[in-house]
């Protein structure tokens, strides 16, 4: 068995920087009032205990990632 070749540390430096940011949320918004119609609760009860007034529901991970990437590229110029 032969000894593997060794690698020498390079003299150059790799660098990276963030030049754009992007986010995405599902289009469908469900409010506490909507939930209170199907659950035995109220907007006030949910808000007092969680601080949540509405939530975004739906959307696939791939779809949201695509939207966020497009927004990041646009932000980067």
PDB file of N, CA and C in Angstrom:
ATOM      1  N   UNK A   1       0.843  -1.172   0.000  1.00  0.00           N
ATOM      2  CA  UNK A   1       0.000   0.000   0.000  1.00  0.00           C
ATOM      3  C   UNK A   1       0.892   1.240   0.000  1.00  0.00           C
ATOM      4  N   UNK A   2       0.608   2.191  -0.882  1.00  0.00           N
ATOM      5  CA  UNK A   2       1.433   3.389  -0.975  1.00  0.00           C
ATOM      6  C   UNK A   2       0.838   4.503  -0.140  1.00  0.00           C
ATOM      7  N   UNK A   3       1.706   5.376   0.302  1.00  0.00           N
ATOM      8  CA  UNK A   3       1.293   6.526   1.098  1.00  0.00           C
ATOM      9  C   UNK A   3       0.630   7.554   0.173  1.00  0.00           C
ATOM     10  N   UNK A   4      -0.534   8.108   0.570  1.00  0.00           N
ATOM     11  CA  UNK A   4      -1.185   9.105  -0.293  1.00  0.00           C
ATOM     12  C   UNK A   4      -0.368  10.391  -0.363  1.00  0.00           C
ATOM     13  N   UNK A   5      -0.492  11.082  -1.468  1.00  0.00           N
ATOM     14  CA  UNK A   5       0.192  12.364  -1.621  1.00  0.00           C
ATOM     15  C   UNK A   5      -0.326  13.345  -0.577  1.00  0.00           C
ATOM     16  N   UNK A   6       0.551  14.214  -0.129  1.00  0.00           N
ATOM     17  CA  UNK A   6       0.133  15.247   0.827  1.00  0.00           C
ATOM     18  C   UNK A   6      -0.127  16.539   0.070  1.00  0.00           C
ATOM     19  N   UNK A   7      -1.018  17.329   0.604  1.00  0.00           N
ATOM     20  CA  UNK A   7      -1.346  18.613  -0.005  1.00  0.00           C
ATOM     21  C   UNK A   7      -0.675  19.733   0.764  1.00  0.00           C
ATOM     22  N   UNK A   8      -0.159  20.692   0.049  1.00  0.00           N
ATOM     23  CA  UNK A   8       0.441  21.858   0.688  1.00  0.00           C
ATOM     24  C   UNK A   8      -0.598  22.959   0.790  1.00  0.00           C
ATOM     25  N   UNK A   9      -0.506  23.727   1.861  1.00  0.00           N
ATOM     26  CA  UNK A   9      -1.423  24.857   2.018  1.00  0.00           C
ATOM     27  C   UNK A   9      -1.123  25.881   0.939  1.00  0.00           C
ATOM     28  N   UNK A  10      -2.172  26.389   0.312  1.00  0.00           N
ATOM     29  CA  UNK A  10      -2.004  27.391  -0.728  1.00  0.00           C
ATOM     30  C   UNK A  10      -1.717  28.761  -0.141  1.00  0.00           C
ATOM     31  N   UNK A  11      -1.220  29.626  -0.980  1.00  0.00           N
ATOM     32  CA  UNK A  11      -0.925  30.978  -0.515  1.00  0.00           C
ATOM     33  C   UNK A  11      -2.094  31.926  -0.747  1.00  0.00           C
ATOM     34  N   UNK A  12      -3.006  31.555  -1.620  1.00  0.00           N
ATOM     35  CA  UNK A  12      -4.147  32.423  -1.905  1.00  0.00           C
ATOM     36  C   UNK A  12      -5.247  32.256  -0.865  1.00  0.00           C
ATOM     37  N   UNK A  13      -6.139  33.224  -0.827  1.00  0.00           N
ATOM     38  CA  UNK A  13      -7.268  33.170   0.097  1.00  0.00           C
ATOM     39  C   UNK A  13      -8.567  33.214  -0.684  1.00  0.00           C
ATOM     40  N   UNK A  14      -9.428  32.317  -0.347  1.00  0.00           N
ATOM     41  CA  UNK A  14     -10.763  32.347  -0.937  1.00  0.00           C
ATOM     42  C   UNK A  14     -11.614  33.299  -0.104  1.00  0.00           C
ATOM     43  N   UNK A  15     -12.521  33.995  -0.755  1.00  0.00           N
ATOM     44  CA  UNK A  15     -13.385  34.899  -0.003  1.00  0.00           C
ATOM     45  C   UNK A  15     -14.798  34.817  -0.551  1.00  0.00           C
ATOM     46  N   UNK A  16     -15.713  35.197   0.284  1.00  0.00           N
ATOM     47  CA  UNK A  16     -17.120  35.217  -0.107  1.00  0.00           C
ATOM     48  C   UNK A  16     -17.790  36.369   0.617  1.00  0.00           C
ATOM     49  N   UNK A  17     -18.868  36.864   0.035  1.00  0.00           N
ATOM     50  CA  UNK A  17     -19.634  37.909   0.704  1.00  0.00           C
ATOM     51  C   UNK A  17     -21.088  37.805   0.287  1.00  0.00           C
ATOM     52  N   UNK A  18     -21.949  38.285   1.137  1.00  0.00           N
ATOM     53  CA  UNK A  18     -23.379  38.297   0.844  1.00  0.00           C
ATOM     54  C   UNK A  18     -23.690  39.604   0.136  1.00  0.00           C
ATOM     55  N   UNK A  19     -24.253  39.505  -1.055  1.00  0.00           N
ATOM     56  CA  UNK A  19     -24.560  40.709  -1.827  1.00  0.00           C
ATOM     57  C   UNK A  19     -26.055  40.912  -2.043  1.00  0.00           C
ATOM     58  N   UNK A  20     -26.858  39.939  -1.649  1.00  0.00           N
ATOM     59  CA  UNK A  20     -28.304  40.081  -1.797  1.00  0.00           C
ATOM     60  C   UNK A  20     -29.038  39.154  -0.848  1.00  0.00           C
ATOM     61  N   UNK A  21     -30.196  39.587  -0.421  1.00  0.00           N
ATOM     62  CA  UNK A  21     -31.044  38.788   0.464  1.00  0.00           C
ATOM     63  C   UNK A  21     -32.423  38.630  -0.154  1.00  0.00           C
ATOM     64  N   UNK A  22     -33.062  37.517   0.133  1.00  0.00           N
ATOM     65  CA  UNK A  22     -34.415  37.297  -0.359  1.00  0.00           C
ATOM     66  C   UNK A  22     -35.212  36.447   0.612  1.00  0.00           C
ATOM     67  N   UNK A  23     -36.499  36.712   0.690  1.00  0.00           N
ATOM     68  CA  UNK A  23     -37.400  35.934   1.537  1.00  0.00           C
ATOM     69  C   UNK A  23     -38.660  35.598   0.747  1.00  0.00           C
ATOM     70  N   UNK A  24     -39.410  34.644   1.258  1.00  0.00           N
ATOM     71  CA  UNK A  24     -40.687  34.283   0.632  1.00  0.00           C
ATOM     72  C   UNK A  24     -41.616  33.720   1.698  1.00  0.00           C
ATOM     73  N   UNK A  25     -42.885  34.010   1.554  1.00  0.00           N
ATOM     74  CA  UNK A  25     -43.928  33.472   2.426  1.00  0.00           C
ATOM     75  C   UNK A  25     -45.039  32.896   1.559  1.00  0.00           C
ATOM     76  N   UNK A  26     -45.710  31.857   2.044  1.00  0.00           N
ATOM     77  CA  UNK A  26     -46.864  31.358   1.296  1.00  0.00           C
ATOM     78  C   UNK A  26     -47.913  32.455   1.155  1.00  0.00           C
ATOM     79  N   UNK A  27     -48.664  32.426   0.065  1.00  0.00           N
ATOM     80  CA  UNK A  27     -49.665  33.461  -0.205  1.00  0.00           C
ATOM     81  C   UNK A  27     -50.868  33.392   0.728  1.00  0.00           C
ATOM     82  N   UNK A  28     -51.246  32.199   1.138  1.00  0.00           N
ATOM     83  CA  UNK A  28     -52.469  32.048   1.931  1.00  0.00           C
ATOM     84  C   UNK A  28     -52.227  32.461   3.378  1.00  0.00           C
ATOM     85  N   UNK A  29     -53.036  33.402   3.870  1.00  0.00           N
ATOM     86  CA  UNK A  29     -52.960  33.879   5.248  1.00  0.00           C
ATOM     87  C   UNK A  29     -54.210  33.411   5.987  1.00  0.00           C
ATOM     88  N   UNK A  30     -54.013  32.804   7.155  1.00  0.00           N
ATOM     89  CA  UNK A  30     -55.128  32.371   7.995  1.00  0.00           C
ATOM     90  C   UNK A  30     -55.073  33.176   9.289  1.00  0.00           C
ATOM     91  N   UNK A  31     -56.154  33.881   9.576  1.00  0.00           N
ATOM     92  CA  UNK A  31     -56.223  34.698  10.792  1.00  0.00           C
ATOM     93  C   UNK A  31     -56.789  33.883  11.950  1.00  0.00           C
ATOM     94  N   UNK A  32     -56.620  34.419  13.150  1.00  0.00           N
ATOM     95  CA  UNK A  32     -57.196  33.778  14.329  1.00  0.00           C
ATOM     96  C   UNK A  32     -58.714  33.733  14.242  1.00  0.00           C
ATOM     97  N   UNK A  33     -59.316  34.764  13.665  1.00  0.00           N
ATOM     98  CA  UNK A  33     -60.774  34.765  13.504  1.00  0.00           C
ATOM     99  C   UNK A  33     -61.228  33.589  12.641  1.00  0.00           C
ATOM    100  N   UNK A  34     -60.466  33.292  11.588  1.00  0.00           N
ATOM    101  CA  UNK A  34     -60.806  32.142  10.747  1.00  0.00           C
ATOM    102  C   UNK A  34     -60.691  30.839  11.534  1.00  0.00           C
ATOM    103  N   UNK A  35     -59.656  30.727  12.358  1.00  0.00           N
ATOM    104  CA  UNK A  35     -59.480  29.521  13.162  1.00  0.00           C
ATOM    105  C   UNK A  35     -60.585  29.365  14.196  1.00  0.00           C
ATOM    106  N   UNK A  36     -61.042  30.470  14.750  1.00  0.00           N
ATOM    107  CA  UNK A  36     -62.076  30.387  15.783  1.00  0.00           C
ATOM    108  C   UNK A  36     -63.390  29.852  15.221  1.00  0.00           C
ATOM    109  N   UNK A  37     -63.550  29.902  13.906  1.00  0.00           N
ATOM    110  CA  UNK A  37     -64.740  29.336  13.288  1.00  0.00           C
ATOM    111  C   UNK A  37     -64.741  27.817  13.277  1.00  0.00           C
ATOM    112  N   UNK A  38     -63.547  27.207  13.295  1.00  0.00           N
ATOM    113  CA  UNK A  38     -63.461  25.748  13.253  1.00  0.00           C
ATOM    114  C   UNK A  38     -62.970  25.147  14.567  1.00  0.00           C
ATOM    115  N   UNK A  39     -62.354  25.953  15.401  1.00  0.00           N
ATOM    116  CA  UNK A  39     -61.848  25.476  16.688  1.00  0.00           C
ATOM    117  C   UNK A  39     -62.591  26.175  17.818  1.00  0.00           C
ATOM    118  N   UNK A  40     -62.615  25.567  18.973  1.00  0.00           N
ATOM    119  CA  UNK A  40     -63.284  26.154  20.132  1.00  0.00           C
ATOM    120  C   UNK A  40     -62.326  27.131  20.813  1.00  0.00           C
ATOM    121  N   UNK A  41     -62.102  28.277  20.167  1.00  0.00           N
ATOM    122  CA  UNK A  41     -61.178  29.285  20.682  1.00  0.00           C
ATOM    123  C   UNK A  41     -61.557  30.637  20.108  1.00  0.00           C
ATOM    124  N   UNK A  42     -60.789  31.664  20.442  1.00  0.00           N
ATOM    125  CA  UNK A  42     -61.059  33.007  19.923  1.00  0.00           C
ATOM    126  C   UNK A  42     -59.748  33.688  19.559  1.00  0.00           C
ATOM    127  N   UNK A  43     -59.869  34.753  18.790  1.00  0.00           N
ATOM    128  CA  UNK A  43     -58.704  35.551  18.419  1.00  0.00           C
ATOM    129  C   UNK A  43     -57.988  36.042  19.669  1.00  0.00           C
ATOM    130  N   UNK A  44     -58.735  36.530  20.632  1.00  0.00           N
ATOM    131  CA  UNK A  44     -58.146  37.069  21.859  1.00  0.00           C
ATOM    132  C   UNK A  44     -57.381  35.992  22.632  1.00  0.00           C
ATOM    133  N   UNK A  45     -57.948  34.793  22.719  1.00  0.00           N
ATOM    134  CA  UNK A  45     -57.309  33.704  23.457  1.00  0.00           C
ATOM    135  C   UNK A  45     -55.973  33.340  22.812  1.00  0.00           C
ATOM    136  N   UNK A  46     -55.970  33.168  21.491  1.00  0.00           N
ATOM    137  CA  UNK A  46     -54.741  32.799  20.776  1.00  0.00           C
ATOM    138  C   UNK A  46     -53.701  33.907  20.890  1.00  0.00           C
ATOM    139  N   UNK A  47     -54.115  35.152  20.663  1.00  0.00           N
ATOM    140  CA  UNK A  47     -53.182  36.279  20.707  1.00  0.00           C
ATOM    141  C   UNK A  47     -52.578  36.449  22.093  1.00  0.00           C
ATOM    142  N   UNK A  48     -53.398  36.325  23.132  1.00  0.00           N
ATOM    143  CA  UNK A  48     -52.909  36.500  24.503  1.00  0.00           C
ATOM    144  C   UNK A  48     -51.874  35.444  24.876  1.00  0.00           C
ATOM    145  N   UNK A  49     -52.018  34.237  24.373  1.00  0.00           N
ATOM    146  CA  UNK A  49     -51.127  33.152  24.763  1.00  0.00           C
ATOM    147  C   UNK A  49     -49.932  32.960  23.837  1.00  0.00           C
ATOM    148  N   UNK A  50     -50.069  33.363  22.593  1.00  0.00           N
ATOM    149  CA  UNK A  50     -48.981  33.114  21.635  1.00  0.00           C
ATOM    150  C   UNK A  50     -48.420  34.370  20.992  1.00  0.00           C
ATOM    151  N   UNK A  51     -49.206  35.442  20.976  1.00  0.00           N
ATOM    152  CA  UNK A  51     -48.792  36.648  20.270  1.00  0.00           C
ATOM    153  C   UNK A  51     -49.032  36.563  18.770  1.00  0.00           C
ATOM    154  N   UNK A  52     -49.574  35.441  18.316  1.00  0.00           N
ATOM    155  CA  UNK A  52     -49.806  35.230  16.885  1.00  0.00           C
ATOM    156  C   UNK A  52     -51.185  35.751  16.509  1.00  0.00           C
ATOM    157  N   UNK A  53     -51.235  36.574  15.458  1.00  0.00           N
ATOM    158  CA  UNK A  53     -52.509  37.095  14.966  1.00  0.00           C
ATOM    159  C   UNK A  53     -52.915  36.448  13.640  1.00  0.00           C
ATOM    160  N   UNK A  54     -51.920  36.025  12.881  1.00  0.00           N
ATOM    161  CA  UNK A  54     -52.169  35.356  11.608  1.00  0.00           C
ATOM    162  C   UNK A  54     -50.968  34.508  11.259  1.00  0.00           C
ATOM    163  N   UNK A  55     -51.169  33.566  10.358  1.00  0.00           N
ATOM    164  CA  UNK A  55     -50.078  32.718   9.912  1.00  0.00           C
ATOM    165  C   UNK A  55     -50.217  32.467   8.416  1.00  0.00           C
ATOM    166  N   UNK A  56     -49.063  32.225   7.778  1.00  0.00           N
ATOM    167  CA  UNK A  56     -49.026  31.913   6.346  1.00  0.00           C
ATOM    168  C   UNK A  56     -49.011  30.398   6.204  1.00  0.00           C
ATOM    169  N   UNK A  57     -49.880  29.882   5.334  1.00  0.00           N
ATOM    170  CA  UNK A  57     -50.025  28.436   5.192  1.00  0.00           C
ATOM    171  C   UNK A  57     -49.900  28.044   3.726  1.00  0.00           C
ATOM    172  N   UNK A  58     -49.272  26.902   3.508  1.00  0.00           N
ATOM    173  CA  UNK A  58     -49.179  26.347   2.166  1.00  0.00           C
ATOM    174  C   UNK A  58     -47.849  26.661   1.526  1.00  0.00           C
ATOM    175  N   UNK A  59     -47.751  26.346   0.288  1.00  0.00           N
ATOM    176  CA  UNK A  59     -46.503  26.567  -0.430  1.00  0.00           C
ATOM    177  C   UNK A  59     -45.554  25.406  -0.202  1.00  0.00           C
ATOM    178  N   UNK A  60     -44.866  25.030  -1.243  1.00  0.00           N
ATOM    179  CA  UNK A  60     -43.878  23.961  -1.119  1.00  0.00           C
ATOM    180  C   UNK A  60     -42.527  24.565  -0.784  1.00  0.00           C
ATOM    181  N   UNK A  61     -41.679  23.769  -0.199  1.00  0.00           N
ATOM    182  CA  UNK A  61     -40.329  24.229   0.111  1.00  0.00           C
ATOM    183  C   UNK A  61     -39.612  24.669  -1.160  1.00  0.00           C
ATOM    184  N   UNK A  62     -39.747  23.891  -2.215  1.00  0.00           N
ATOM    185  CA  UNK A  62     -39.086  24.225  -3.481  1.00  0.00           C
ATOM    186  C   UNK A  62     -39.633  25.526  -4.055  1.00  0.00           C
ATOM    187  N   UNK A  63     -40.935  25.704  -3.999  1.00  0.00           N
ATOM    188  CA  UNK A  63     -41.533  26.932  -4.520  1.00  0.00           C
ATOM    189  C   UNK A  63     -41.104  28.163  -3.739  1.00  0.00           C
ATOM    190  N   UNK A  64     -41.097  28.041  -2.412  1.00  0.00           N
ATOM    191  CA  UNK A  64     -40.672  29.169  -1.578  1.00  0.00           C
ATOM    192  C   UNK A  64     -39.186  29.462  -1.769  1.00  0.00           C
ATOM    193  N   UNK A  65     -38.381  28.413  -1.891  1.00  0.00           N
ATOM    194  CA  UNK A  65     -36.946  28.602  -2.116  1.00  0.00           C
ATOM    195  C   UNK A  65     -36.693  29.298  -3.446  1.00  0.00           C
ATOM    196  N   UNK A  66     -37.444  28.926  -4.468  1.00  0.00           N
ATOM    197  CA  UNK A  66     -37.305  29.558  -5.779  1.00  0.00           C
ATOM    198  C   UNK A  66     -37.643  31.043  -5.703  1.00  0.00           C
ATOM    199  N   UNK A  67     -38.737  31.374  -5.017  1.00  0.00           N
ATOM    200  CA  UNK A  67     -39.122  32.782  -4.858  1.00  0.00           C
ATOM    201  C   UNK A  67     -38.060  33.556  -4.075  1.00  0.00           C
ATOM    202  N   UNK A  68     -37.559  32.966  -2.991  1.00  0.00           N
ATOM    203  CA  UNK A  68     -36.548  33.634  -2.173  1.00  0.00           C
ATOM    204  C   UNK A  68     -35.247  33.824  -2.948  1.00  0.00           C
ATOM    205  N   UNK A  69     -34.864  32.827  -3.733  1.00  0.00           N
ATOM    206  CA  UNK A  69     -33.645  32.946  -4.549  1.00  0.00           C
ATOM    207  C   UNK A  69     -33.786  34.040  -5.598  1.00  0.00           C
ATOM    208  N   UNK A  70     -34.939  34.099  -6.241  1.00  0.00           N
ATOM    209  CA  UNK A  70     -35.175  35.145  -7.239  1.00  0.00           C
ATOM    210  C   UNK A  70     -35.106  36.521  -6.589  1.00  0.00           C
ATOM    211  N   UNK A  71     -35.677  36.649  -5.394  1.00  0.00           N
ATOM    212  CA  UNK A  71     -35.624  37.929  -4.683  1.00  0.00           C
ATOM    213  C   UNK A  71     -34.191  38.280  -4.289  1.00  0.00           C
ATOM    214  N   UNK A  72     -33.406  37.293  -3.879  1.00  0.00           N
ATOM    215  CA  UNK A  72     -32.011  37.537  -3.509  1.00  0.00           C
ATOM    216  C   UNK A  72     -31.184  37.963  -4.715  1.00  0.00           C
ATOM    217  N   UNK A  73     -31.413  37.320  -5.847  1.00  0.00           N
ATOM    218  CA  UNK A  73     -30.685  37.701  -7.064  1.00  0.00           C
ATOM    219  C   UNK A  73     -31.062  39.111  -7.512  1.00  0.00           C
ATOM    220  N   UNK A  74     -32.341  39.444  -7.420  1.00  0.00           N
ATOM    221  CA  UNK A  74     -32.776  40.797  -7.779  1.00  0.00           C
ATOM    222  C   UNK A  74     -32.171  41.818  -6.822  1.00  0.00           C
ATOM    223  N   UNK A  75     -32.112  41.476  -5.543  1.00  0.00           N
ATOM    224  CA  UNK A  75     -31.535  42.372  -4.543  1.00  0.00           C
ATOM    225  C   UNK A  75     -30.040  42.582  -4.778  1.00  0.00           C
ATOM    226  N   UNK A  76     -29.375  41.542  -5.274  1.00  0.00           N
ATOM    227  CA  UNK A  76     -27.938  41.627  -5.525  1.00  0.00           C
ATOM    228  C   UNK A  76     -27.620  42.473  -6.753  1.00  0.00           C
ATOM    229  N   UNK A  77     -28.637  42.655  -7.616  1.00  0.00           N
ATOM    230  CA  UNK A  77     -28.415  43.458  -8.819  1.00  0.00           C
ATOM    231  C   UNK A  77     -27.911  42.604  -9.917  1.00  0.00           C
TER     232      UNK A  77
END
